Amino acid sequence: MTLYETIRLNLKSALKNKDNKVVSVLRLSLAAVKNKELEKRHRFSKTPLFSTKERDKIEKPEKLNELSRLNDNEVLEVLMREAKKRKESIGIFNSGGRHDLELKEREELDILEKYLPKQLSELEMNIEIDKILLKIDLEKTRDFGTIMGLVMAQLKGRVDGKLVGDFLKKKLVFLQNIS
């Protein structure tokens, strides 16, 4: 069962149980997924990479629907983006003294996190980054962006990019001071 199907089933059960908060969050999440699918569909329908004969096949609605369907990784990206929005809102509402809205956003974030992969602790993140850095030839690759890209490719979805960036900056400064 795909992640999208899981969310749809959970939405149905939340509707039956009249759990309005879960219904609201899941509906918003499914709407974001649907928007991403429409965006992908638009890209496929306008892609000039295909010959006219291939484009005629793709422009059939069934084929276009099939091609524009999101896989689990793409659905996960959408959910991570939704969770990031909630985290940013929590920070803004907290600094603005709106604890009622902050609480609402935290509840929504808790619901979304059920569908996201388990986040690594800071210690686990440090260990994973150290393992990745051992594989990389740091003498040749000192560029922060390149290293960050390699690390995030392996840890995507399991850590916050800001934490990784901060840790990598400290680590690279430390390594430069040693050599």
Foldseek 3Di string as FASTA:
>chain_A
DFLLVVLVVVLVVCVVVVVVLSVVLSVVLNVLQVVQLVVQLVCLQPPPPDDPVVSVVCPPVVNSSVRSHDGRVVSQVSLVVVLVVLVVVLVVCVVVVNVVVNVSSVVSSVSSVVSFDAADDLVRLVVLLVVLVVVDPCVVDLDLVVSLVSSCVVCPRRYDSVSVSVVSVVVSVVVVVVD
